[in-house]
């Protein structure tokens, strides 16, 4: 039975390869590229791609370490990728968090934010109140700004070496000094994701849903690449506000003008990360490195999309950076 299945699989691959070669022979490489771009828009491709990948935290291409702060349990846990690319628990530290419960909204509210962050930098020369070192997080992120939050200076730091302290922080995450030194040795801050959650257990998203969202991402790219204005703009929510403040109506007009140029483009995405946003039901963050080139403009850098999925798991972008 297995031999028959293998034979049929090889036959289908051979037929598909022959179809591509014929297409290339008659129409040239551009037509083949367009077909490959289309293949990337299918749920089936993405489901096959991720079916054996650890997606317990989402779909992650560039993060090697995950830090999860459980505000309810006052813990900070470290997970790292093993040789099988599975995130395994390494350490769990007791932690102090903000004096006031709930999500941070404004400067001085004594709350630890809920969300997805990365580590911007490490500080080793600081006031002794913060222990031997601190990791500076990227609060407020794009979603925080969309929701009108403010404030800054959310760190992961140690405990005072010369002073007394309370059993809470003004919004930071604090662990003991031995642990912060150990954490510094365990993580590469350039490939670490911080997830701050209010509750004990985060529901894992099914691979089917993740595959659908990744297919949507490449449908968005396909419409952008091949100048399908209507399809491209259909991925944007009417509540959309770009990170620089550009609102939906102005954004639509701007993109329509750009698309009318009908420029040939090159668009590639690498280091894609798709993560469910903490304390939400249907909001996800997508980050990736984007390369875009046309005759009039070139961009290479980090891109973030905040999306909300509908009942069919199709997404709408409500802010981007």
Protein backbone atom coordinates (compact mmCIF):
# COMPACT_ATOMS: atom_id res chain seq x y z
CA UNK A 1 0.00 0.00 0.00
CA UNK A 2 2.81 2.41 0.96
CA UNK A 3 4.61 1.70 -2.32
CA UNK A 4 1.48 2.63 -4.28
CA UNK A 5 1.10 5.87 -2.32
CA UNK A 6 4.76 6.73 -2.88
CA UNK A 7 4.42 5.99 -6.58
CA UNK A 8 1.34 8.20 -6.90
CA UNK A 9 3.11 10.98 -5.01
CA UNK A 10 6.16 10.80 -7.27
CA UNK A 11 3.90 10.76 -10.33
CA UNK A 12 2.00 13.85 -9.18
CA UNK A 13 5.29 15.68 -8.45
CA UNK A 14 6.63 14.69 -11.85
CA UNK A 15 3.46 15.91 -13.60
CA UNK A 16 3.55 19.18 -11.66
CA UNK A 17 7.24 19.71 -12.50
CA UNK A 18 6.51 18.96 -16.17
CA UNK A 19 3.66 21.50 -16.12
CA UNK A 20 6.02 24.16 -14.73
CA UNK A 21 8.66 23.38 -17.35
CA UNK A 22 6.09 23.59 -20.15
CA UNK A 23 4.82 26.89 -18.79
CA UNK A 24 8.39 28.19 -18.63
CA UNK A 25 9.13 26.98 -22.17
CA UNK A 26 6.11 28.75 -23.65
CA UNK A 27 5.69 31.86 -21.46
CA UNK A 28 9.05 32.42 -19.77
CA UNK A 29 10.15 32.80 -16.17
CA UNK A 30 7.73 35.61 -15.25
CA UNK A 31 4.72 33.36 -15.78
CA UNK A 32 6.32 30.63 -13.65
CA UNK A 33 7.07 33.16 -10.91
CA UNK A 34 3.45 34.29 -10.93
CA UNK A 35 2.28 30.68 -10.55
CA UNK A 36 4.68 30.18 -7.61
CA UNK A 37 3.43 33.40 -6.00
CA UNK A 38 -0.11 32.07 -6.37
CA UNK A 39 0.81 28.73 -4.78
CA UNK A 40 1.92 30.62 -1.65
CA UNK A 41 -1.63 31.95 -1.21
CA UNK A 42 -3.15 28.50 -0.58
CA UNK A 43 -4.06 27.22 2.89
CA UNK A 44 -2.94 23.75 1.84
CA UNK A 45 0.66 24.87 1.27
CA UNK A 46 0.89 26.53 4.66
CA UNK A 47 -0.77 23.67 6.52
CA UNK A 48 1.75 21.22 5.06
CA UNK A 49 4.54 23.65 5.91
CA UNK A 50 3.61 24.00 9.60
CA UNK A 51 2.05 20.62 10.42
CA UNK A 52 5.24 19.30 12.07
CA UNK A 53 6.36 22.63 13.55
CA UNK A 54 5.93 23.61 17.19
CA UNK A 55 3.21 26.28 17.11
CA UNK A 56 2.50 26.40 20.85
CA UNK A 57 3.29 30.14 20.83
CA UNK A 58 2.23 30.75 17.21
CA UNK A 59 4.27 30.51 14.00
CA UNK A 60 7.81 31.73 14.72
CA UNK A 61 10.69 31.97 12.26
CA UNK A 62 13.08 34.34 14.02
CA UNK A 63 12.65 33.84 17.78
CA UNK A 64 14.90 31.38 19.58
CA UNK A 65 13.77 32.26 23.11
CA UNK A 66 10.38 33.08 24.61
CA UNK A 67 9.87 34.84 27.92
CA UNK A 68 6.36 34.59 29.35
CA UNK A 69 5.32 36.75 32.29
CA UNK A 70 2.28 35.45 34.13
CA UNK A 71 0.93 38.40 36.09
CA UNK A 72 -1.60 36.24 37.93
CA UNK A 73 1.07 33.88 39.27
CA UNK A 74 3.87 36.50 39.46
CA UNK A 75 6.29 34.39 37.42
CA UNK A 76 8.65 34.89 34.51
CA UNK A 77 9.29 31.72 32.48
CA UNK A 78 11.95 31.06 29.86
CA UNK A 79 11.43 28.72 26.89
CA UNK A 80 14.13 27.95 24.33
CA UNK A 81 14.26 26.19 20.99
CA UNK A 82 15.88 22.74 21.18
CA UNK A 83 17.56 20.80 18.37
CA UNK A 84 14.13 19.71 17.12
CA UNK A 85 12.93 23.34 16.97
CA UNK A 86 10.54 22.73 19.86
CA UNK A 87 10.18 25.32 22.59
CA UNK A 88 10.98 23.66 25.90
CA UNK A 89 10.76 25.19 29.40
CA UNK A 90 14.19 26.12 30.79
CA UNK A 91 13.55 28.19 33.91
CA UNK A 92 10.72 29.71 35.91
CA UNK A 93 11.53 32.71 38.11
CA UNK A 94 9.44 34.34 40.82
CA UNK A 95 8.73 37.90 39.73
CA UNK A 96 7.42 41.21 41.02
CA UNK A 97 5.03 43.09 38.74
CA UNK A 98 3.04 46.33 38.94
CA UNK A 99 1.30 47.35 42.15
CA UNK A 100 -2.06 47.76 40.41
CA UNK A 101 -3.70 44.88 38.51
CA UNK A 102 -4.88 45.21 34.92
CA UNK A 103 -3.36 46.43 31.68
CA UNK A 104 -1.16 49.51 31.58
CA UNK A 105 -2.87 52.52 30.01
CA UNK A 106 -0.91 55.61 30.98
CA UNK A 107 2.29 56.86 32.54
CA UNK A 108 2.37 56.40 36.29
CA UNK A 109 -0.63 54.05 36.63
CA UNK A 110 1.58 51.42 38.38
CA UNK A 111 0.46 48.66 36.01
CA UNK A 112 2.51 46.15 34.04
CA UNK A 113 1.38 46.10 30.39
CA UNK A 114 -0.24 43.10 28.72
CA UNK A 115 1.08 42.31 25.26
CA UNK A 116 3.89 41.24 22.95
CA UNK A 117 7.27 42.91 23.22
CA UNK A 118 10.89 42.46 22.28
CA UNK A 119 14.01 43.57 24.13
CA UNK A 120 15.35 46.84 22.81
CA UNK A 121 18.65 46.83 24.69
CA UNK A 122 20.47 45.77 27.85
CA UNK A 123 21.62 48.28 30.46
CA UNK A 124 24.41 47.31 32.84
CA UNK A 125 25.28 50.75 34.24
CA UNK A 126 22.25 51.82 36.27
CA UNK A 127 21.02 52.82 39.70
CA UNK A 128 21.63 50.10 42.31
CA UNK A 129 17.85 50.00 42.96
CA UNK A 130 17.47 48.01 39.72
CA UNK A 131 20.12 45.40 40.52
CA UNK A 132 23.06 44.46 38.29
CA UNK A 133 21.35 44.90 34.91
CA UNK A 134 18.08 45.54 33.10
CA UNK A 135 16.47 44.64 29.80
CA UNK A 136 14.54 47.50 28.18
CA UNK A 137 11.31 46.35 26.49
CA UNK A 138 9.60 47.90 23.47
CA UNK A 139 6.53 49.13 25.37
CA UNK A 140 4.53 50.92 24.02
CA UNK A 141 4.24 48.80 20.88
CA UNK A 142 2.19 49.48 17.75
CA UNK A 143 -0.98 48.01 19.31
CA UNK A 144 -0.54 50.00 22.53
CA UNK A 145 -0.25 53.21 20.49
CA UNK A 146 -3.32 52.27 18.41
CA UNK A 147 -5.27 51.94 21.66
CA UNK A 148 -4.04 55.32 22.88
CA UNK A 149 -1.75 54.04 25.65
CA UNK A 150 1.29 55.96 26.78
CA UNK A 151 4.18 55.68 29.20
CA UNK A 152 7.63 54.16 28.83
CA UNK A 153 10.49 52.56 30.74
CA UNK A 154 9.07 49.06 31.14
CA UNK A 155 12.09 46.93 32.04
CA UNK A 156 12.94 43.45 33.22
CA UNK A 157 15.42 44.15 36.02
CA UNK A 158 16.95 42.88 39.24
CA UNK A 159 16.43 43.83 42.89
CA UNK A 160 18.08 46.58 44.93
CA UNK A 161 21.63 45.86 46.06
CA UNK A 162 21.67 48.65 48.67
CA UNK A 163 18.05 49.61 49.36
CA UNK A 164 14.84 48.01 50.61
CA UNK A 165 11.94 47.57 48.22
CA UNK A 166 8.21 46.76 48.21
CA UNK A 167 6.75 43.50 46.88
CA UNK A 168 5.64 45.17 43.65
CA UNK A 169 6.98 47.48 40.95
CA UNK A 170 5.76 50.63 39.23
CA UNK A 171 5.06 48.55 36.12
CA UNK A 172 8.32 46.71 35.41
CA UNK A 173 9.06 43.01 35.89
CA UNK A 174 11.65 42.37 38.61
CA UNK A 175 13.42 39.10 39.46
CA UNK A 176 16.23 38.43 41.91
CA UNK A 177 19.76 39.34 40.96
CA UNK A 178 21.11 35.82 40.61
CA UNK A 179 18.28 35.06 38.19
CA UNK A 180 18.70 38.22 36.09
CA UNK A 181 22.40 37.39 35.65
CA UNK A 182 21.49 33.81 34.70
CA UNK A 183 18.85 35.07 32.25
CA UNK A 184 21.41 37.36 30.64
CA UNK A 185 23.58 34.31 29.87
CA UNK A 186 20.66 32.28 28.53
CA UNK A 187 19.11 34.64 25.98
CA UNK A 188 20.11 36.52 22.88
CA UNK A 189 18.10 39.72 23.18
CA UNK A 190 17.88 40.06 19.38
CA UNK A 191 15.92 36.80 19.07
CA UNK A 192 13.75 36.87 22.21
CA UNK A 193 10.00 37.47 22.39
CA UNK A 194 8.37 38.66 25.63
CA UNK A 195 4.73 37.68 26.18
CA UNK A 196 3.03 39.35 29.15
CA UNK A 197 -0.27 37.72 30.01
CA UNK A 198 -2.76 38.31 32.81
CA UNK A 199 -3.74 34.67 33.20
CA UNK A 200 -2.16 31.28 33.80
CA UNK A 201 -2.93 29.48 30.55
CA UNK A 202 -2.93 30.86 27.03
CA UNK A 203 -5.05 28.91 24.57
CA UNK A 204 -3.01 27.42 21.74
CA UNK A 205 -4.22 28.40 18.27
CA UNK A 206 -4.90 25.54 15.85
CA UNK A 207 -2.58 24.95 12.92
CA UNK A 208 -5.60 25.25 10.62
CA UNK A 209 -6.18 28.84 11.76
CA UNK A 210 -2.48 29.72 11.56
CA UNK A 211 -2.27 28.27 8.03
CA UNK A 212 -5.31 30.31 6.97
CA UNK A 213 -3.79 33.53 8.31
CA UNK A 214 -0.44 32.86 6.61
CA UNK A 215 -2.28 32.17 3.35
CA UNK A 216 -4.09 35.50 3.82
CA UNK A 217 -0.75 37.22 4.31
CA UNK A 218 0.43 35.93 0.95
CA UNK A 219 -2.89 36.77 -0.71
CA UNK A 220 -2.32 40.33 0.50
CA UNK A 221 1.20 40.17 -0.95
CA UNK A 222 -0.06 38.68 -4.25
CA UNK A 223 -2.61 41.46 -4.76
CA UNK A 224 0.07 44.02 -3.93
CA UNK A 225 2.65 42.41 -6.23
CA UNK A 226 0.27 42.19 -9.20
CA UNK A 227 -1.51 45.54 -8.71
CA UNK A 228 -4.96 44.25 -7.78
CA UNK A 229 -6.06 47.40 -5.98
CA UNK A 230 -9.53 46.21 -4.96
CA UNK A 231 -8.29 42.93 -3.51
CA UNK A 232 -5.37 44.58 -1.73
CA UNK A 233 -7.54 47.21 -0.04
CA UNK A 234 -10.12 44.58 0.97
CA UNK A 235 -7.60 43.38 3.59
CA UNK A 236 -7.87 46.68 5.47
CA UNK A 237 -10.41 47.41 8.19
CA UNK A 238 -12.44 50.61 8.00
CA UNK A 239 -11.05 51.26 11.51
CA UNK A 240 -7.51 51.23 10.09
CA UNK A 241 -5.06 53.83 11.35
CA UNK A 242 -1.43 53.55 10.27
CA UNK A 243 1.24 53.91 12.94
CA UNK A 244 2.08 57.41 11.68
CA UNK A 245 -1.56 58.50 12.15
CA UNK A 246 -2.78 58.10 8.55
CA UNK A 247 -6.45 57.06 8.71
CA UNK A 248 -8.42 54.71 6.45
CA UNK A 249 -9.85 57.16 3.88
CA UNK A 250 -6.54 58.93 3.31
CA UNK A 251 -4.70 55.60 3.18
CA UNK A 252 -7.13 54.25 0.54
CA UNK A 253 -6.64 57.34 -1.64
CA UNK A 254 -2.87 57.17 -1.24
CA UNK A 255 -2.63 53.47 -2.15
CA UNK A 256 -5.03 53.89 -5.10
CA UNK A 257 -2.73 56.55 -6.56
CA UNK A 258 0.30 54.29 -6.11
CA UNK A 259 -1.41 51.29 -7.70
CA UNK A 260 -2.42 53.34 -10.76
CA UNK A 261 1.26 53.53 -11.68
CA UNK A 262 1.06 49.75 -12.34
CA UNK A 263 4.76 49.41 -11.55
CA UNK A 264 6.50 46.07 -11.66
CA UNK A 265 7.54 45.15 -8.12
CA UNK A 266 9.65 42.71 -6.18
CA UNK A 267 8.29 41.88 -2.72
CA UNK A 268 9.72 39.27 -0.37
CA UNK A 269 8.96 38.43 3.26
CA UNK A 270 11.43 36.70 5.58
CA UNK A 271 11.62 36.02 9.35
CA UNK A 272 7.83 35.80 9.61
CA UNK A 273 6.31 35.61 13.10
CA UNK A 274 2.58 35.17 13.68
CA UNK A 275 1.53 35.35 17.33
CA UNK A 276 -1.90 35.53 19.00
CA UNK A 277 -2.12 38.73 21.04
CA UNK A 278 -2.52 38.16 24.80
CA UNK A 279 -5.88 38.83 26.44
CA UNK A 280 -7.73 39.00 23.10
CA UNK A 281 -9.91 36.49 21.28
CA UNK A 282 -9.14 37.15 17.63
CA UNK A 283 -6.26 39.64 17.39
CA UNK A 284 -2.85 38.60 16.05
CA UNK A 285 0.47 40.30 15.48
CA UNK A 286 2.44 39.54 12.32
CA UNK A 287 6.04 40.71 12.03
CA UNK A 288 8.49 40.09 9.20
CA UNK A 289 11.38 41.58 7.30
CA UNK A 290 10.16 43.09 4.05
CA UNK A 291 12.06 43.79 0.87
CA UNK A 292 10.19 45.97 -1.61
CA UNK A 293 11.56 47.34 -4.86
CA UNK A 294 9.92 49.16 -7.76
CA UNK A 295 11.20 51.68 -10.29
CA UNK A 296 10.27 54.56 -7.97
CA UNK A 297 10.85 53.23 -4.43
CA UNK A 298 12.90 50.70 -2.47
CA UNK A 299 12.40 49.61 1.14
CA UNK A 300 14.13 46.97 3.24
CA UNK A 301 13.31 46.66 6.92
CA UNK A 302 10.96 45.48 9.66
CA UNK A 303 7.20 45.37 9.11
CA UNK A 304 4.42 44.85 11.65
CA UNK A 305 0.75 44.15 10.90
CA UNK A 306 -1.92 44.04 13.58
CA UNK A 307 -4.86 41.98 12.35
CA UNK A 308 -8.26 40.83 13.51
CA UNK A 309 -9.72 37.62 12.10
CA UNK A 310 -13.38 37.04 11.26
CA UNK A 311 -15.46 33.88 11.70
CA UNK A 312 -13.89 32.42 8.53
CA UNK A 313 -10.37 33.20 9.84
CA UNK A 314 -9.78 35.82 7.14
CA UNK A 315 -7.93 38.84 8.41
CA UNK A 316 -8.42 42.58 8.42
CA UNK A 317 -5.44 44.86 9.07
CA UNK A 318 -6.33 47.58 11.57
CA UNK A 319 -2.87 49.12 11.99
CA UNK A 320 0.59 48.63 10.51
CA UNK A 321 4.11 49.96 10.78
